[in-house]
Amino acid sequence: MNRKAFIQQASITMMLHPYSSEKAPAERVDAAINLAEALWERLKDRGYGPTTQTSERCSKNWYSEIQDQEEFDKCRRKYGDEGGRNDAAKAWIGLDEEEKVKVFPAIPKYIESLKYSGKSKAHFATWINQKRFLNYEETEKKQSKPAYNELAQEIAGFERQLELVKKSGNQAMIDTLESHINKLKSKQS
């Protein structure tokens, strides 16, 4: 409790005391405040002081410490500004450069995964602190060859399109689609 809150609370308590009712209302307020202030000073002299200390986490502006504020802001906007900026900035400072590069591409994948998982979105600071972005890191294998199911779906879509085009009789379009389907099938094997 800080000094102001202590004096307010103590003053109200003292004003409600039955012995203070003998004085006029204005005098009761002044007397209660004076007594509360004196009590605060006596408690402070005996080592009690304020019960809450301002921590570094609350008082330090971590955002001002960020060297690459533009990149941080870009990631935070993409994520959706969950949680406090200062907490997220503190987490961001804890990342090395290699990790910072991985954050932005992982954000849309994480947000997409939330649609199917039923989980709630973590605060940006938590997501960074726990390095959850590493769960959505692309591997070379994933980048070089699409998943079999995705490829099969793409082929099926083009084959449906080919059937429709065959009805129209547009031979140039038929040839293009067949060529494209054959290329996709060669990737599949």
C-alpha atoms as a PDB file:
ATOM      1  CA  MET A   1       0.000   0.000   0.000  1.00  0.00           C
ATOM      2  CA  ASN A   2       1.378   3.409  -0.850  1.00  0.00           C
ATOM      3  CA  ARG A   3       1.310   6.458   1.398  1.00  0.00           C
ATOM      4  CA  LYS A   4      -1.712   8.074  -0.211  1.00  0.00           C
ATOM      5  CA  ALA A   5      -3.837   4.931  -0.039  1.00  0.00           C
ATOM      6  CA  PHE A   6      -2.785   4.308   3.563  1.00  0.00           C
ATOM      7  CA  ILE A   7      -3.694   7.824   4.673  1.00  0.00           C
ATOM      8  CA  GLN A   8      -7.040   7.680   2.868  1.00  0.00           C
ATOM      9  CA  GLN A   9      -7.948   4.346   4.400  1.00  0.00           C
ATOM     10  CA  ALA A  10      -6.707   5.253   7.882  1.00  0.00           C
ATOM     11  CA  SER A  11      -8.511   8.619   7.777  1.00  0.00           C
ATOM     12  CA  ILE A  12     -11.817   7.008   6.898  1.00  0.00           C
ATOM     13  CA  THR A  13     -11.386   4.426   9.633  1.00  0.00           C
ATOM     14  CA  MET A  14     -10.516   7.096  12.201  1.00  0.00           C
ATOM     15  CA  MET A  15     -13.444   9.296  11.178  1.00  0.00           C
ATOM     16  CA  LEU A  16     -15.811   6.420  11.858  1.00  0.00           C
ATOM     17  CA  HIS A  17     -14.446   5.986  15.379  1.00  0.00           C
ATOM     18  CA  PRO A  18     -17.073   6.959  18.005  1.00  0.00           C
ATOM     19  CA  TYR A  19     -14.740   9.379  19.826  1.00  0.00           C
ATOM     20  CA  SER A  20     -14.331  11.509  16.702  1.00  0.00           C
ATOM     21  CA  SER A  21     -18.063  12.258  16.521  1.00  0.00           C
ATOM     22  CA  GLU A  22     -17.658  14.879  19.253  1.00  0.00           C
ATOM     23  CA  LYS A  23     -15.981  17.230  16.748  1.00  0.00           C
ATOM     24  CA  ALA A  24     -17.501  19.105  13.816  1.00  0.00           C
ATOM     25  CA  PRO A  25     -17.282  17.233  10.453  1.00  0.00           C
ATOM     26  CA  ALA A  26     -14.534  19.464   9.021  1.00  0.00           C
ATOM     27  CA  GLU A  27     -12.484  19.145  12.192  1.00  0.00           C
ATOM     28  CA  ARG A  28     -12.955  15.364  12.183  1.00  0.00           C
ATOM     29  CA  VAL A  29     -11.549  15.142   8.643  1.00  0.00           C
ATOM     30  CA  ASP A  30      -8.525  17.290   9.467  1.00  0.00           C
ATOM     31  CA  ALA A  31      -7.876  15.435  12.709  1.00  0.00           C
ATOM     32  CA  ALA A  32      -8.163  12.038  10.989  1.00  0.00           C
ATOM     33  CA  ILE A  33      -5.778  13.060   8.195  1.00  0.00           C
ATOM     34  CA  ASN A  34      -3.251  14.472  10.673  1.00  0.00           C
ATOM     35  CA  LEU A  35      -3.426  11.329  12.760  1.00  0.00           C
ATOM     36  CA  ALA A  36      -3.084   9.078   9.683  1.00  0.00           C
ATOM     37  CA  GLU A  37      -0.057  11.060   8.458  1.00  0.00           C
ATOM     38  CA  ALA A  38       1.563  10.842  11.872  1.00  0.00           C
ATOM     39  CA  LEU A  39       0.865   7.111  11.989  1.00  0.00           C
ATOM     40  CA  TRP A  40       2.439   6.670   8.541  1.00  0.00           C
ATOM     41  CA  GLU A  41       5.580   8.509   9.639  1.00  0.00           C
ATOM     42  CA  ARG A  42       5.866   6.469  12.846  1.00  0.00           C
ATOM     43  CA  LEU A  43       5.446   3.214  10.948  1.00  0.00           C
ATOM     44  CA  LYS A  44       8.011   4.323   8.377  1.00  0.00           C
ATOM     45  CA  ASP A  45      10.481   5.286  11.129  1.00  0.00           C
ATOM     46  CA  ARG A  46      10.142   1.809  12.578  1.00  0.00           C
ATOM     47  CA  GLY A  47      10.941   0.216   9.225  1.00  0.00           C
ATOM     48  CA  TYR A  48       7.494  -0.623   7.918  1.00  0.00           C
ATOM     49  CA  GLY A  49       7.324   1.793   4.975  1.00  0.00           C
ATOM     50  CA  PRO A  50       5.320   1.073   1.840  1.00  0.00           C
ATOM     51  CA  THR A  51       4.222  -2.528   1.433  1.00  0.00           C
ATOM     52  CA  THR A  52       4.749  -2.626  -2.324  1.00  0.00           C
ATOM     53  CA  GLN A  53       7.996  -1.901  -4.059  1.00  0.00           C
ATOM     54  CA  THR A  54       8.185  -0.945  -7.689  1.00  0.00           C
ATOM     55  CA  SER A  55       9.891  -3.791  -9.483  1.00  0.00           C
ATOM     56  CA  GLU A  56      12.214  -3.437 -12.451  1.00  0.00           C
ATOM     57  CA  ARG A  57       9.590  -5.173 -14.558  1.00  0.00           C
ATOM     58  CA  CYS A  58       7.048  -2.445 -13.811  1.00  0.00           C
ATOM     59  CA  SER A  59       9.324   0.544 -13.925  1.00  0.00           C
ATOM     60  CA  LYS A  60      11.645  -0.140 -16.838  1.00  0.00           C
ATOM     61  CA  ASN A  61      10.609   0.773 -20.350  1.00  0.00           C
ATOM     62  CA  TRP A  62      11.780  -2.335 -22.210  1.00  0.00           C
ATOM     63  CA  TYR A  63      10.393  -1.108 -25.506  1.00  0.00           C
ATOM     64  CA  SER A  64      12.903   1.750 -25.560  1.00  0.00           C
ATOM     65  CA  GLU A  65      15.698  -0.829 -25.196  1.00  0.00           C
ATOM     66  CA  ILE A  66      14.778  -2.617 -28.437  1.00  0.00           C
ATOM     67  CA  GLN A  67      17.226  -1.966 -31.253  1.00  0.00           C
ATOM     68  CA  ASP A  68      14.891  -3.188 -34.016  1.00  0.00           C
ATOM     69  CA  GLN A  69      11.608  -1.601 -32.925  1.00  0.00           C
ATOM     70  CA  GLU A  70      10.222  -1.666 -36.450  1.00  0.00           C
ATOM     71  CA  GLU A  71      10.570  -5.452 -36.706  1.00  0.00           C
ATOM     72  CA  PHE A  72       9.120  -5.909 -33.220  1.00  0.00           C
ATOM     73  CA  ASP A  73       6.134  -3.680 -34.033  1.00  0.00           C
ATOM     74  CA  LYS A  74       5.552  -5.511 -37.314  1.00  0.00           C
ATOM     75  CA  CYS A  75       5.473  -8.874 -35.536  1.00  0.00           C
ATOM     76  CA  ARG A  76       3.288  -7.586 -32.728  1.00  0.00           C
ATOM     77  CA  ARG A  77       0.752  -6.107 -35.167  1.00  0.00           C
ATOM     78  CA  LYS A  78       0.682  -9.338 -37.168  1.00  0.00           C
ATOM     79  CA  TYR A  79       0.136 -11.289 -33.961  1.00  0.00           C
ATOM     80  CA  GLY A  80      -2.727  -9.070 -32.887  1.00  0.00           C
ATOM     81  CA  ASP A  81      -1.354  -7.026 -29.975  1.00  0.00           C
ATOM     82  CA  GLU A  82      -2.175  -9.542 -27.252  1.00  0.00           C
ATOM     83  CA  GLY A  83      -0.802  -8.620 -23.842  1.00  0.00           C
ATOM     84  CA  GLY A  84       1.270  -5.656 -22.812  1.00  0.00           C
ATOM     85  CA  ARG A  85       3.811  -4.088 -25.109  1.00  0.00           C
ATOM     86  CA  ASN A  86       6.410  -3.734 -22.362  1.00  0.00           C
ATOM     87  CA  ASP A  87       6.242  -7.427 -21.420  1.00  0.00           C
ATOM     88  CA  ALA A  88       6.462  -8.422 -25.068  1.00  0.00           C
ATOM     89  CA  ALA A  89       9.404  -6.066 -25.556  1.00  0.00           C
ATOM     90  CA  LYS A  90      11.230  -7.644 -22.622  1.00  0.00           C
ATOM     91  CA  ALA A  91      10.665 -11.085 -24.141  1.00  0.00           C
ATOM     92  CA  TRP A  92      11.812  -9.837 -27.562  1.00  0.00           C
ATOM     93  CA  ILE A  93      15.073  -8.537 -26.102  1.00  0.00           C
ATOM     94  CA  GLY A  94      15.743 -12.041 -24.787  1.00  0.00           C
ATOM     95  CA  LEU A  95      15.746 -13.521 -28.304  1.00  0.00           C
ATOM     96  CA  ASP A  96      18.864 -13.815 -30.400  1.00  0.00           C
ATOM     97  CA  GLU A  97      18.860 -12.579 -34.001  1.00  0.00           C
ATOM     98  CA  GLU A  98      18.320 -16.059 -35.495  1.00  0.00           C
ATOM     99  CA  GLU A  99      15.208 -16.517 -33.372  1.00  0.00           C
ATOM    100  CA  LYS A 100      13.815 -13.063 -34.173  1.00  0.00           C
ATOM    101  CA  VAL A 101      13.877 -13.920 -37.875  1.00  0.00           C
ATOM    102  CA  LYS A 102      11.714 -16.987 -37.204  1.00  0.00           C
ATOM    103  CA  VAL A 103       8.965 -15.133 -35.321  1.00  0.00           C
ATOM    104  CA  PHE A 104       7.202 -13.326 -38.181  1.00  0.00           C
ATOM    105  CA  PRO A 105       6.761 -16.328 -40.520  1.00  0.00           C
ATOM    106  CA  ALA A 106       5.472 -18.453 -37.635  1.00  0.00           C
ATOM    107  CA  ILE A 107       2.682 -16.058 -36.612  1.00  0.00           C
ATOM    108  CA  PRO A 108       0.151 -16.854 -39.381  1.00  0.00           C
ATOM    109  CA  LYS A 109       0.766 -20.575 -38.938  1.00  0.00           C
ATOM    110  CA  TYR A 110       0.143 -20.301 -35.203  1.00  0.00           C
ATOM    111  CA  ILE A 111      -3.027 -18.264 -35.685  1.00  0.00           C
ATOM    112  CA  GLU A 112      -4.266 -20.761 -38.284  1.00  0.00           C
ATOM    113  CA  SER A 113      -3.557 -23.661 -35.923  1.00  0.00           C
ATOM    114  CA  LEU A 114      -5.728 -22.040 -33.252  1.00  0.00           C
ATOM    115  CA  LYS A 115      -8.769 -22.416 -35.499  1.00  0.00           C
ATOM    116  CA  TYR A 116      -8.503 -26.191 -35.333  1.00  0.00           C
ATOM    117  CA  SER A 117      -7.030 -26.734 -31.879  1.00  0.00           C
ATOM    118  CA  GLY A 118      -9.711 -25.057 -29.798  1.00  0.00           C
ATOM    119  CA  LYS A 119      -7.015 -23.408 -27.697  1.00  0.00           C
ATOM    120  CA  SER A 120      -7.034 -19.749 -26.826  1.00  0.00           C
ATOM    121  CA  LYS A 121      -4.394 -17.402 -28.139  1.00  0.00           C
ATOM    122  CA  ALA A 122      -1.448 -16.813 -25.820  1.00  0.00           C
ATOM    123  CA  HIS A 123      -0.261 -13.315 -25.050  1.00  0.00           C
ATOM    124  CA  PHE A 124       2.475 -12.264 -27.433  1.00  0.00           C
ATOM    125  CA  ALA A 125       4.981 -12.041 -24.561  1.00  0.00           C
ATOM    126  CA  THR A 126       4.160 -15.593 -23.466  1.00  0.00           C
ATOM    127  CA  TRP A 127       4.380 -16.879 -27.022  1.00  0.00           C
ATOM    128  CA  ILE A 128       7.842 -15.371 -27.363  1.00  0.00           C
ATOM    129  CA  ASN A 129       9.078 -16.316 -23.880  1.00  0.00           C
ATOM    130  CA  GLN A 130       8.103 -19.934 -24.417  1.00  0.00           C
ATOM    131  CA  LYS A 131       9.579 -19.807 -27.925  1.00  0.00           C
ATOM    132  CA  ARG A 132       6.424 -21.306 -29.364  1.00  0.00           C
ATOM    133  CA  PHE A 133       7.316 -19.838 -32.746  1.00  0.00           C
ATOM    134  CA  LEU A 134       9.865 -22.628 -33.088  1.00  0.00           C
ATOM    135  CA  ASN A 135       6.959 -25.090 -33.310  1.00  0.00           C
ATOM    136  CA  TYR A 136       5.992 -23.517 -36.632  1.00  0.00           C
ATOM    137  CA  GLU A 137       9.426 -23.389 -38.168  1.00  0.00           C
ATOM    138  CA  GLU A 138       9.568 -24.717 -41.723  1.00  0.00           C
ATOM    139  CA  THR A 139      12.025 -27.449 -42.474  1.00  0.00           C
ATOM    140  CA  GLU A 140      13.779 -27.828 -45.815  1.00  0.00           C
ATOM    141  CA  LYS A 141      11.834 -30.990 -46.541  1.00  0.00           C
ATOM    142  CA  LYS A 142       8.507 -29.216 -46.115  1.00  0.00           C
ATOM    143  CA  GLN A 143       9.617 -26.336 -48.300  1.00  0.00           C
ATOM    144  CA  SER A 144      10.953 -28.418 -51.159  1.00  0.00           C
ATOM    145  CA  LYS A 145       8.030 -30.816 -51.608  1.00  0.00           C
ATOM    146  CA  PRO A 146       4.377 -30.165 -50.776  1.00  0.00           C
ATOM    147  CA  ALA A 147       2.587 -32.716 -48.650  1.00  0.00           C
ATOM    148  CA  TYR A 148       1.134 -35.670 -50.535  1.00  0.00           C
ATOM    149  CA  ASN A 149      -2.453 -34.852 -49.543  1.00  0.00           C
ATOM    150  CA  GLU A 150      -2.141 -31.245 -50.669  1.00  0.00           C
ATOM    151  CA  LEU A 151      -0.726 -32.327 -54.007  1.00  0.00           C
ATOM    152  CA  ALA A 152      -3.430 -34.946 -54.485  1.00  0.00           C
ATOM    153  CA  GLN A 153      -6.097 -32.345 -53.753  1.00  0.00           C
ATOM    154  CA  GLU A 154      -4.545 -29.944 -56.224  1.00  0.00           C
ATOM    155  CA  ILE A 155      -4.451 -32.629 -58.926  1.00  0.00           C
ATOM    156  CA  ALA A 156      -8.069 -33.565 -58.251  1.00  0.00           C
ATOM    157  CA  GLY A 157      -9.083 -29.921 -58.576  1.00  0.00           C
ATOM    158  CA  PHE A 158      -7.352 -29.558 -61.931  1.00  0.00           C
ATOM    159  CA  GLU A 159      -8.882 -32.816 -63.158  1.00  0.00           C
ATOM    160  CA  ARG A 160     -12.372 -31.517 -62.319  1.00  0.00           C
ATOM    161  CA  GLN A 161     -11.536 -28.322 -64.150  1.00  0.00           C
ATOM    162  CA  LEU A 162     -10.285 -30.370 -67.125  1.00  0.00           C
ATOM    163  CA  GLU A 163     -13.600 -32.235 -67.343  1.00  0.00           C
ATOM    164  CA  LEU A 164     -15.474 -28.943 -67.530  1.00  0.00           C
ATOM    165  CA  VAL A 165     -13.130 -27.543 -70.178  1.00  0.00           C
ATOM    166  CA  LYS A 166     -13.467 -30.714 -72.288  1.00  0.00           C
ATOM    167  CA  LYS A 167     -17.194 -30.010 -72.552  1.00  0.00           C
ATOM    168  CA  SER A 168     -16.436 -26.562 -73.970  1.00  0.00           C
ATOM    169  CA  GLY A 169     -14.091 -27.995 -76.590  1.00  0.00           C
ATOM    170  CA  ASN A 170     -11.295 -25.441 -75.992  1.00  0.00           C
ATOM    171  CA  GLN A 171      -8.329 -27.571 -77.117  1.00  0.00           C
ATOM    172  CA  ALA A 172      -5.636 -25.071 -76.068  1.00  0.00           C
ATOM    173  CA  MET A 173      -6.990 -24.982 -72.520  1.00  0.00           C
ATOM    174  CA  ILE A 174      -7.344 -28.780 -72.469  1.00  0.00           C
ATOM    175  CA  ASP A 175      -3.698 -29.188 -73.487  1.00  0.00           C
ATOM    176  CA  THR A 176      -2.544 -26.678 -70.857  1.00  0.00           C
ATOM    177  CA  LEU A 177      -4.478 -28.376 -68.067  1.00  0.00           C
ATOM    178  CA  GLU A 178      -3.328 -31.860 -69.074  1.00  0.00           C
ATOM    179  CA  SER A 179       0.275 -30.676 -69.144  1.00  0.00           C
ATOM    180  CA  HIS A 180      -0.085 -29.091 -65.723  1.00  0.00           C
ATOM    181  CA  ILE A 181      -1.722 -32.215 -64.273  1.00  0.00           C
ATOM    182  CA  ASN A 182       1.098 -34.389 -65.637  1.00  0.00           C
ATOM    183  CA  LYS A 183       3.706 -32.109 -64.025  1.00  0.00           C
ATOM    184  CA  LEU A 184       1.920 -32.341 -60.693  1.00  0.00           C
ATOM    185  CA  LYS A 185       1.661 -36.125 -60.954  1.00  0.00           C
ATOM    186  CA  SER A 186       5.398 -36.353 -61.615  1.00  0.00           C
ATOM    187  CA  LYS A 187       6.021 -34.397 -58.395  1.00  0.00           C
ATOM    188  CA  GLN A 188       3.779 -36.818 -56.558  1.00  0.00           C
ATOM    189  CA  SER A 189       5.907 -39.851 -57.360  1.00  0.00           C
END
